[in-house]
Amino acid sequence: NVKATFFVVGNLYMKSENPEWSRIIKRMDDEGHIIGIHTYNHKTLTGLTSEEIINEMKLLEEKIYNVIGKKP
């Protein structure tokens, strides 16, 4: 019954709206684990503008919300 925090990389977990990955993310949440955002494309953030970084985070936040029904 140990809980963990999973930082999800969007293009690995949410690629092509893969139903298997969606089930895994949903299961993590259902079991009480914390799901964090590790950007959508795992780009090097130092090479991005603030707007691009925010977009990376918001895109993954939206994808996870669509799976678990709440913001990570």
C-alpha atoms as a PDB file:
ATOM      1  CA  ASN A   1       0.000   0.000   0.000  1.00  0.00           C
ATOM      2  CA  VAL A   2       2.907   2.351  -0.617  1.00  0.00           C
ATOM      3  CA  LYS A   3       2.024   5.417  -2.676  1.00  0.00           C
ATOM      4  CA  ALA A   4       4.319   7.009  -5.236  1.00  0.00           C
ATOM      5  CA  THR A   5       4.572  10.116  -7.364  1.00  0.00           C
ATOM      6  CA  PHE A   6       4.860   9.560 -11.107  1.00  0.00           C
ATOM      7  CA  PHE A   7       6.078  12.395 -13.311  1.00  0.00           C
ATOM      8  CA  VAL A   8       4.611  11.650 -16.704  1.00  0.00           C
ATOM      9  CA  VAL A   9       6.304  12.583 -19.989  1.00  0.00           C
ATOM     10  CA  GLY A  10       3.445  13.220 -22.366  1.00  0.00           C
ATOM     11  CA  ASN A  11       4.772  11.986 -25.673  1.00  0.00           C
ATOM     12  CA  LEU A  12       5.766   8.686 -24.054  1.00  0.00           C
ATOM     13  CA  TYR A  13       2.557   8.046 -22.122  1.00  0.00           C
ATOM     14  CA  MET A  14      -0.081   9.861 -24.100  1.00  0.00           C
ATOM     15  CA  LYS A  15       1.242   9.277 -27.628  1.00  0.00           C
ATOM     16  CA  SER A  16      -1.551   8.731 -30.136  1.00  0.00           C
ATOM     17  CA  GLU A  17      -4.013   8.601 -27.246  1.00  0.00           C
ATOM     18  CA  ASN A  18      -2.812   5.033 -26.630  1.00  0.00           C
ATOM     19  CA  PRO A  19      -5.599   3.387 -24.606  1.00  0.00           C
ATOM     20  CA  GLU A  20      -3.149   1.159 -22.704  1.00  0.00           C
ATOM     21  CA  TRP A  21      -1.198   4.149 -21.395  1.00  0.00           C
ATOM     22  CA  SER A  22      -4.463   5.895 -20.544  1.00  0.00           C
ATOM     23  CA  ARG A  23      -5.496   2.852 -18.496  1.00  0.00           C
ATOM     24  CA  ILE A  24      -2.165   2.893 -16.674  1.00  0.00           C
ATOM     25  CA  ILE A  25      -2.480   6.603 -15.840  1.00  0.00           C
ATOM     26  CA  LYS A  26      -6.062   6.052 -14.664  1.00  0.00           C
ATOM     27  CA  ARG A  27      -4.984   3.108 -12.516  1.00  0.00           C
ATOM     28  CA  MET A  28      -2.204   5.167 -10.918  1.00  0.00           C
ATOM     29  CA  ASP A  29      -4.759   7.785  -9.948  1.00  0.00           C
ATOM     30  CA  ASP A  30      -7.365   5.252  -8.823  1.00  0.00           C
ATOM     31  CA  GLU A  31      -4.790   3.639  -6.519  1.00  0.00           C
ATOM     32  CA  GLY A  32      -4.027   6.985  -4.888  1.00  0.00           C
ATOM     33  CA  HIS A  33      -0.676   7.719  -6.488  1.00  0.00           C
ATOM     34  CA  ILE A  34       0.201  11.299  -7.383  1.00  0.00           C
ATOM     35  CA  ILE A  35       0.621  12.133 -11.055  1.00  0.00           C
ATOM     36  CA  GLY A  36       2.931  15.009 -11.884  1.00  0.00           C
ATOM     37  CA  ILE A  37       3.795  16.694 -15.154  1.00  0.00           C
ATOM     38  CA  HIS A  38       7.237  16.275 -16.715  1.00  0.00           C
ATOM     39  CA  THR A  39       6.416  18.281 -19.869  1.00  0.00           C
ATOM     40  CA  TYR A  40       4.784  16.892 -22.974  1.00  0.00           C
ATOM     41  CA  ASN A  41       7.772  16.462 -25.301  1.00  0.00           C
ATOM     42  CA  HIS A  42      10.626  16.306 -22.741  1.00  0.00           C
ATOM     43  CA  LYS A  43      12.448  19.139 -24.483  1.00  0.00           C
ATOM     44  CA  THR A  44      15.421  20.895 -22.905  1.00  0.00           C
ATOM     45  CA  LEU A  45      13.658  23.723 -21.102  1.00  0.00           C
ATOM     46  CA  THR A  46      16.643  26.080 -21.168  1.00  0.00           C
ATOM     47  CA  GLY A  47      16.230  26.297 -24.945  1.00  0.00           C
ATOM     48  CA  LEU A  48      12.555  27.279 -24.765  1.00  0.00           C
ATOM     49  CA  THR A  49      10.789  30.563 -24.160  1.00  0.00           C
ATOM     50  CA  SER A  50       8.552  30.956 -21.120  1.00  0.00           C
ATOM     51  CA  GLU A  51       5.527  30.665 -23.392  1.00  0.00           C
ATOM     52  CA  GLU A  52       6.811  27.412 -24.907  1.00  0.00           C
ATOM     53  CA  ILE A  53       7.450  25.953 -21.445  1.00  0.00           C
ATOM     54  CA  ILE A  54       3.946  26.874 -20.310  1.00  0.00           C
ATOM     55  CA  ASN A  55       2.506  25.299 -23.463  1.00  0.00           C
ATOM     56  CA  GLU A  56       4.462  22.086 -22.786  1.00  0.00           C
ATOM     57  CA  MET A  57       2.969  21.913 -19.306  1.00  0.00           C
ATOM     58  CA  LYS A  58      -0.572  22.890 -20.277  1.00  0.00           C
ATOM     59  CA  LEU A  59      -0.734  20.378 -23.127  1.00  0.00           C
ATOM     60  CA  LEU A  60       0.132  17.492 -20.826  1.00  0.00           C
ATOM     61  CA  GLU A  61      -2.114  18.829 -18.069  1.00  0.00           C
ATOM     62  CA  GLU A  62      -5.032  18.775 -20.519  1.00  0.00           C
ATOM     63  CA  LYS A  63      -4.233  15.236 -21.715  1.00  0.00           C
ATOM     64  CA  ILE A  64      -4.049  13.896 -18.158  1.00  0.00           C
ATOM     65  CA  TYR A  65      -7.225  15.756 -17.189  1.00  0.00           C
ATOM     66  CA  ASN A  66      -9.024  14.017 -20.056  1.00  0.00           C
ATOM     67  CA  VAL A  67      -7.974  10.648 -18.611  1.00  0.00           C
ATOM     68  CA  ILE A  68      -8.468  11.110 -14.853  1.00  0.00           C
ATOM     69  CA  GLY A  69     -10.966  13.956 -14.729  1.00  0.00           C
ATOM     70  CA  LYS A  70      -8.817  16.293 -12.645  1.00  0.00           C
ATOM     71  CA  LYS A  71      -5.665  18.340 -13.023  1.00  0.00           C
ATOM     72  CA  PRO A  72      -2.437  16.590 -12.076  1.00  0.00           C
END
